[in-house]
Amino acid sequence: MSFTINGQKYDGAKYDFNTHCEFDAMGVNPLMLKANPLPVIRAYLSISSGLSLAESGNELEQHIIKGGKLTEIITTLAKEMNDSAFFTAMTKEMTETESQESPAKTKRAKTTKKNA
């Protein structure tokens, strides 16, 4: 899938282990796309285009100033994440780990309340 920023068309990077590590190396959590989209979008443009983070930020800023929308890049990233076997496996593992930890946390919370 591709997206256009400032009239330049980019092929969206596939979301795999290496892409996830690139986000991490940039200090960006791609799972925060909904909660804090701008850093994720800037990092994704950098990964997809080969531009630095600063250059990507400048491109996005100019795109927005000129009336451009971010819908296309967000849709591309979301699709790449949803289509990714790595992302699916990673989020499944995270969900399973959280559900295994939840009963222990709940039990500790109940014990703490009883002792209070």
N, C-alpha and C. Protein backbone atom coordinates (compact mmCIF):
# COMPACT_ATOMS: atom_id res chain seq x y z
N MET A 1 0.83 -1.18 0.00
CA MET A 1 0.00 0.00 0.00
C MET A 1 0.89 1.25 0.00
N SER A 2 0.39 2.31 -0.55
CA SER A 2 1.18 3.53 -0.61
C SER A 2 0.37 4.71 -0.08
N PHE A 3 1.07 5.81 0.15
CA PHE A 3 0.45 7.04 0.62
C PHE A 3 1.21 8.21 0.01
N THR A 4 0.57 9.36 -0.01
CA THR A 4 1.16 10.56 -0.60
C THR A 4 1.28 11.64 0.47
N ILE A 5 2.48 12.21 0.59
CA ILE A 5 2.74 13.33 1.48
C ILE A 5 3.41 14.42 0.64
N ASN A 6 2.84 15.61 0.66
CA ASN A 6 3.41 16.74 -0.10
C ASN A 6 3.58 16.42 -1.59
N GLY A 7 2.66 15.69 -2.15
CA GLY A 7 2.73 15.36 -3.56
C GLY A 7 3.70 14.22 -3.90
N GLN A 8 4.41 13.71 -2.91
CA GLN A 8 5.37 12.62 -3.11
C GLN A 8 4.71 11.30 -2.67
N LYS A 9 4.73 10.32 -3.55
CA LYS A 9 4.14 9.03 -3.24
C LYS A 9 5.20 8.12 -2.60
N TYR A 10 4.84 7.48 -1.51
CA TYR A 10 5.74 6.56 -0.80
C TYR A 10 5.07 5.19 -0.68
N ASP A 11 5.87 4.14 -0.80
CA ASP A 11 5.39 2.80 -0.51
C ASP A 11 5.49 2.60 0.99
N GLY A 12 4.38 2.23 1.61
CA GLY A 12 4.38 2.01 3.05
C GLY A 12 5.23 0.81 3.41
N ALA A 13 6.03 0.95 4.45
CA ALA A 13 6.88 -0.15 4.90
C ALA A 13 6.03 -1.28 5.45
N LYS A 14 6.41 -2.50 5.13
CA LYS A 14 5.76 -3.67 5.72
C LYS A 14 6.04 -3.67 7.22
N TYR A 15 5.08 -4.12 7.99
CA TYR A 15 5.28 -4.16 9.44
C TYR A 15 5.78 -5.55 9.82
N ASP A 16 7.05 -5.63 10.19
CA ASP A 16 7.64 -6.89 10.60
C ASP A 16 8.52 -6.65 11.83
N PHE A 17 9.25 -7.64 12.24
CA PHE A 17 10.11 -7.53 13.41
C PHE A 17 11.08 -6.35 13.29
N ASN A 18 11.73 -6.23 12.13
CA ASN A 18 12.69 -5.15 11.93
C ASN A 18 12.03 -3.77 11.97
N THR A 19 10.86 -3.66 11.38
CA THR A 19 10.13 -2.39 11.42
C THR A 19 9.80 -2.02 12.87
N HIS A 20 9.34 -3.01 13.62
CA HIS A 20 9.02 -2.76 15.03
C HIS A 20 10.26 -2.28 15.78
N CYS A 21 11.40 -2.91 15.52
CA CYS A 21 12.65 -2.50 16.17
C CYS A 21 13.08 -1.10 15.74
N GLU A 22 12.81 -0.73 14.48
CA GLU A 22 13.13 0.63 14.03
C GLU A 22 12.29 1.65 14.80
N PHE A 23 11.01 1.37 14.97
CA PHE A 23 10.17 2.25 15.79
C PHE A 23 10.77 2.37 17.19
N ASP A 24 11.11 1.23 17.76
CA ASP A 24 11.66 1.20 19.12
C ASP A 24 12.95 2.01 19.21
N ALA A 25 13.83 1.86 18.23
CA ALA A 25 15.09 2.61 18.22
C ALA A 25 14.85 4.12 18.13
N MET A 26 13.72 4.51 17.56
CA MET A 26 13.37 5.93 17.46
C MET A 26 12.66 6.42 18.71
N GLY A 27 12.42 5.51 19.65
CA GLY A 27 11.74 5.88 20.88
C GLY A 27 10.23 6.04 20.71
N VAL A 28 9.68 5.35 19.71
CA VAL A 28 8.26 5.47 19.39
C VAL A 28 7.59 4.12 19.54
N ASN A 29 6.44 4.11 20.19
CA ASN A 29 5.66 2.89 20.34
C ASN A 29 4.53 2.91 19.32
N PRO A 30 4.59 2.07 18.28
CA PRO A 30 3.56 2.10 17.25
C PRO A 30 2.18 1.70 17.77
N LEU A 31 2.14 1.05 18.92
CA LEU A 31 0.85 0.69 19.51
C LEU A 31 0.10 1.92 20.03
N MET A 32 0.77 3.06 20.06
CA MET A 32 0.17 4.32 20.52
C MET A 32 -0.42 5.12 19.36
N LEU A 33 -0.62 4.48 18.21
CA LEU A 33 -1.13 5.18 17.03
C LEU A 33 -2.42 5.95 17.32
N LYS A 34 -3.34 5.34 18.05
CA LYS A 34 -4.61 6.01 18.35
C LYS A 34 -4.45 7.07 19.43
N ALA A 35 -3.68 6.77 20.46
CA ALA A 35 -3.54 7.68 21.59
C ALA A 35 -2.63 8.87 21.31
N ASN A 36 -1.56 8.66 20.56
CA ASN A 36 -0.57 9.71 20.29
C ASN A 36 -0.04 9.53 18.87
N PRO A 37 -0.85 9.86 17.86
CA PRO A 37 -0.52 9.49 16.48
C PRO A 37 0.66 10.22 15.84
N LEU A 38 0.90 11.47 16.16
CA LEU A 38 1.90 12.23 15.40
C LEU A 38 3.31 11.66 15.46
N PRO A 39 3.84 11.27 16.62
CA PRO A 39 5.18 10.67 16.62
C PRO A 39 5.23 9.35 15.83
N VAL A 40 4.15 8.59 15.90
CA VAL A 40 4.09 7.31 15.18
C VAL A 40 4.07 7.56 13.67
N ILE A 41 3.29 8.53 13.24
CA ILE A 41 3.20 8.86 11.82
C ILE A 41 4.55 9.37 11.31
N ARG A 42 5.19 10.24 12.08
CA ARG A 42 6.50 10.78 11.67
C ARG A 42 7.52 9.64 11.55
N ALA A 43 7.53 8.73 12.51
CA ALA A 43 8.47 7.61 12.46
C ALA A 43 8.16 6.70 11.27
N TYR A 44 6.88 6.46 11.01
CA TYR A 44 6.51 5.59 9.88
C TYR A 44 6.93 6.22 8.55
N LEU A 45 6.76 7.53 8.42
CA LEU A 45 7.22 8.20 7.20
C LEU A 45 8.74 8.05 7.08
N SER A 46 9.45 8.20 8.17
CA SER A 46 10.91 8.06 8.15
C SER A 46 11.31 6.65 7.72
N ILE A 47 10.67 5.65 8.29
CA ILE A 47 10.98 4.26 7.96
C ILE A 47 10.64 3.97 6.49
N SER A 48 9.51 4.45 6.03
CA SER A 48 9.05 4.17 4.67
C SER A 48 9.85 4.93 3.61
N SER A 49 10.33 6.13 3.96
CA SER A 49 10.95 7.00 2.96
C SER A 49 12.48 7.02 3.00
N GLY A 50 13.05 6.67 4.16
CA GLY A 50 14.49 6.80 4.32
C GLY A 50 14.90 8.20 4.77
N LEU A 51 13.92 9.08 4.97
CA LEU A 51 14.21 10.42 5.48
C LEU A 51 14.52 10.34 6.98
N SER A 52 15.24 11.31 7.49
CA SER A 52 15.47 11.37 8.94
C SER A 52 14.15 11.74 9.62
N LEU A 53 14.12 11.60 10.94
CA LEU A 53 12.93 12.02 11.67
C LEU A 53 12.65 13.50 11.48
N ALA A 54 13.70 14.32 11.52
CA ALA A 54 13.52 15.76 11.33
C ALA A 54 12.98 16.07 9.94
N GLU A 55 13.53 15.43 8.93
CA GLU A 55 13.05 15.64 7.56
C GLU A 55 11.60 15.18 7.42
N SER A 56 11.30 14.05 8.03
CA SER A 56 9.92 13.53 7.98
C SER A 56 8.97 14.50 8.66
N GLY A 57 9.39 15.03 9.81
CA GLY A 57 8.56 16.01 10.51
C GLY A 57 8.32 17.25 9.67
N ASN A 58 9.35 17.72 8.99
CA ASN A 58 9.20 18.89 8.12
C ASN A 58 8.25 18.61 6.97
N GLU A 59 8.36 17.44 6.37
CA GLU A 59 7.45 17.06 5.27
C GLU A 59 6.01 17.01 5.76
N LEU A 60 5.80 16.40 6.91
CA LEU A 60 4.45 16.31 7.45
C LEU A 60 3.90 17.68 7.82
N GLU A 61 4.75 18.53 8.39
CA GLU A 61 4.32 19.88 8.75
C GLU A 61 3.87 20.64 7.50
N GLN A 62 4.66 20.61 6.45
CA GLN A 62 4.31 21.30 5.21
C GLN A 62 3.04 20.71 4.59
N HIS A 63 2.90 19.40 4.66
CA HIS A 63 1.73 18.72 4.13
C HIS A 63 0.47 19.22 4.84
N ILE A 64 0.55 19.33 6.17
CA ILE A 64 -0.61 19.78 6.95
C ILE A 64 -0.89 21.26 6.69
N ILE A 65 0.16 22.08 6.66
CA ILE A 65 -0.01 23.52 6.39
C ILE A 65 -0.71 23.75 5.06
N LYS A 66 -0.38 22.93 4.07
CA LYS A 66 -0.97 23.07 2.73
C LYS A 66 -2.37 22.45 2.64
N GLY A 67 -2.89 21.98 3.78
CA GLY A 67 -4.24 21.43 3.80
C GLY A 67 -4.31 19.92 3.64
N GLY A 68 -3.16 19.27 3.62
CA GLY A 68 -3.13 17.82 3.48
C GLY A 68 -3.64 17.12 4.73
N LYS A 69 -4.17 15.96 4.54
CA LYS A 69 -4.68 15.13 5.63
C LYS A 69 -3.72 13.98 5.89
N LEU A 70 -3.83 13.39 7.06
CA LEU A 70 -2.96 12.26 7.45
C LEU A 70 -3.68 10.92 7.34
N THR A 71 -4.90 10.94 6.87
CA THR A 71 -5.71 9.73 6.79
C THR A 71 -5.04 8.62 5.98
N GLU A 72 -4.44 8.98 4.86
CA GLU A 72 -3.85 7.98 3.96
C GLU A 72 -2.67 7.25 4.63
N ILE A 73 -1.78 7.98 5.30
CA ILE A 73 -0.63 7.33 5.94
C ILE A 73 -1.08 6.51 7.15
N ILE A 74 -2.08 7.01 7.87
CA ILE A 74 -2.61 6.26 9.02
C ILE A 74 -3.25 4.96 8.54
N THR A 75 -4.03 5.05 7.49
CA THR A 75 -4.69 3.86 6.93
C THR A 75 -3.66 2.85 6.46
N THR A 76 -2.60 3.33 5.81
CA THR A 76 -1.55 2.43 5.32
C THR A 76 -0.86 1.72 6.47
N LEU A 77 -0.47 2.47 7.50
CA LEU A 77 0.19 1.85 8.64
C LEU A 77 -0.74 0.86 9.34
N ALA A 78 -1.98 1.24 9.56
CA ALA A 78 -2.93 0.35 10.23
C ALA A 78 -3.12 -0.94 9.44
N LYS A 79 -3.21 -0.82 8.11
CA LYS A 79 -3.36 -2.02 7.27
C LYS A 79 -2.12 -2.90 7.35
N GLU A 80 -0.94 -2.29 7.28
CA GLU A 80 0.30 -3.07 7.38
C GLU A 80 0.39 -3.80 8.72
N MET A 81 -0.03 -3.13 9.78
CA MET A 81 0.00 -3.77 11.10
C MET A 81 -1.01 -4.92 11.15
N ASN A 82 -2.23 -4.68 10.66
CA ASN A 82 -3.26 -5.71 10.69
C ASN A 82 -2.92 -6.90 9.81
N ASP A 83 -2.21 -6.67 8.71
CA ASP A 83 -1.85 -7.75 7.79
C ASP A 83 -0.56 -8.48 8.20
N SER A 84 0.09 -8.01 9.24
CA SER A 84 1.38 -8.54 9.64
C SER A 84 1.25 -9.79 10.52
N ALA A 85 1.84 -10.89 10.07
CA ALA A 85 1.85 -12.11 10.88
C ALA A 85 2.64 -11.88 12.18
N PHE A 86 3.72 -11.11 12.08
CA PHE A 86 4.50 -10.80 13.28
C PHE A 86 3.66 -10.01 14.28
N PHE A 87 3.00 -8.95 13.82
CA PHE A 87 2.20 -8.11 14.71
C PHE A 87 1.08 -8.91 15.34
N THR A 88 0.43 -9.76 14.57
CA THR A 88 -0.65 -10.60 15.09
C THR A 88 -0.14 -11.51 16.20
N ALA A 89 0.99 -12.15 15.95
CA ALA A 89 1.57 -13.05 16.95
C ALA A 89 2.02 -12.27 18.19
N MET A 90 2.62 -11.11 18.00
CA MET A 90 3.11 -10.31 19.12
C MET A 90 1.95 -9.83 19.99
N THR A 91 0.89 -9.33 19.39
CA THR A 91 -0.22 -8.83 20.18
C THR A 91 -0.97 -9.98 20.86
N LYS A 92 -1.01 -11.13 20.21
CA LYS A 92 -1.63 -12.30 20.83
C LYS A 92 -0.85 -12.71 22.07
N GLU A 93 0.47 -12.73 21.97
CA GLU A 93 1.32 -13.07 23.12
C GLU A 93 1.15 -12.05 24.24
N MET A 94 1.08 -10.77 23.88
CA MET A 94 0.90 -9.72 24.89
C MET A 94 -0.43 -9.89 25.61
N THR A 95 -1.49 -10.21 24.86
CA THR A 95 -2.82 -10.40 25.43
C THR A 95 -2.83 -11.60 26.36
N GLU A 96 -2.19 -12.70 25.94
CA GLU A 96 -2.14 -13.90 26.78
C GLU A 96 -1.35 -13.63 28.06
N THR A 97 -0.25 -12.92 27.96
CA THR A 97 0.56 -12.59 29.13
C THR A 97 -0.23 -11.72 30.09
N GLU A 98 -0.95 -10.73 29.58
CA GLU A 98 -1.76 -9.86 30.42
C GLU A 98 -2.86 -10.64 31.12
N SER A 99 -3.51 -11.56 30.41
CA SER A 99 -4.59 -12.33 31.02
C SER A 99 -4.07 -13.29 32.08
N GLN A 100 -2.83 -13.78 31.92
CA GLN A 100 -2.23 -14.64 32.93
C GLN A 100 -1.85 -13.85 34.17
N GLU A 101 -1.46 -12.59 33.99
CA GLU A 101 -1.07 -11.74 35.11
C GLU A 101 -2.28 -11.16 35.83
N SER A 102 -3.38 -10.97 35.15
CA SER A 102 -4.55 -10.31 35.73
C SER A 102 -5.10 -11.02 36.97
N PRO A 103 -5.29 -12.35 36.98
CA PRO A 103 -5.81 -12.99 38.20
C PRO A 103 -4.90 -12.76 39.41
N ALA A 104 -3.59 -12.78 39.22
CA ALA A 104 -2.67 -12.55 40.33
C ALA A 104 -2.80 -11.13 40.84
N LYS A 105 -2.92 -10.16 39.94
CA LYS A 105 -3.08 -8.76 40.34
C LYS A 105 -4.40 -8.58 41.08
N THR A 106 -5.47 -9.21 40.58
CA THR A 106 -6.78 -9.10 41.21
C THR A 106 -6.75 -9.70 42.61
N LYS A 107 -6.10 -10.87 42.73
CA LYS A 107 -6.01 -11.54 44.02
C LYS A 107 -5.24 -10.67 45.02
N ARG A 108 -4.12 -10.08 44.58
CA ARG A 108 -3.33 -9.20 45.46
C ARG A 108 -4.15 -7.99 45.89
N ALA A 109 -4.93 -7.43 44.96
CA ALA A 109 -5.73 -6.25 45.27
C ALA A 109 -6.79 -6.59 46.31
N LYS A 110 -7.43 -7.76 46.19
CA LYS A 110 -8.44 -8.17 47.15
C LYS A 110 -7.82 -8.41 48.51
N THR A 111 -6.64 -9.04 48.55
CA THR A 111 -5.94 -9.30 49.79
C THR A 111 -5.58 -7.99 50.48
N THR A 112 -5.11 -7.03 49.71
CA THR A 112 -4.73 -5.72 50.24
C THR A 112 -5.94 -5.02 50.84
N LYS A 113 -7.10 -5.10 50.16
CA LYS A 113 -8.31 -4.47 50.67
C LYS A 113 -8.75 -5.11 51.99
N LYS A 114 -8.64 -6.45 52.10
CA LYS A 114 -9.04 -7.15 53.31
C LYS A 114 -8.15 -6.73 54.48
N ASN A 115 -6.88 -6.54 54.21
CA ASN A 115 -5.93 -6.19 55.26
C ASN A 115 -6.02 -4.73 55.67
N ALA A 116 -6.70 -3.93 54.89
CA ALA A 116 -6.76 -2.47 55.18
C ALA A 116 -7.73 -2.14 56.28
